[in-house]
Amino acid sequence: AASARALVARDAMEAELNAAVQKAQREATETLSVAMKDRIEHFTLTKHLKEEAAHLTAQLSAIKSEAEKVSLERDDLLETRSTLVSQIRETETRGEKVSKQLSSVRLDLQESEQARASQDRDL
């Protein structure tokens, strides 16, 4: 009878132990599954972040390149503007000289016409 009780007790302990092992295995499997999902999500997010960073870096590089082009064009335009301003000033100066010469020629012409008119009257 004692050995039958010992066998029943042993079987009960084995059943409890098996149940505890199965519970621990389920919990470990669930924990591992959650950890794997987290790891996969982390990897996916990291991959997307790296791709987005590469895309943004490429955009920034393109923007910098365009800014350099715009800066060079601006410098060219400023140089052209400076050249045009100088040419306008030179043209204005020449125009003033020509205007003075024209006034002088008109004066000479008037004096010449007056002298001719005077000569015609004298004759």
Foldseek 3Di string as FASTA:
>chain_A
DVVVVVVVVVVVVVVVVVVVVVVVVVVVVVVVVVVVVVVVVVVVVVVVVVVVVVVVVVVVVVVVVVVVVVVVVVVVVVVVVVVVVVVVVVVVVVVVVVVVVVVVVVVVVVVVVVVVVVVVVVD
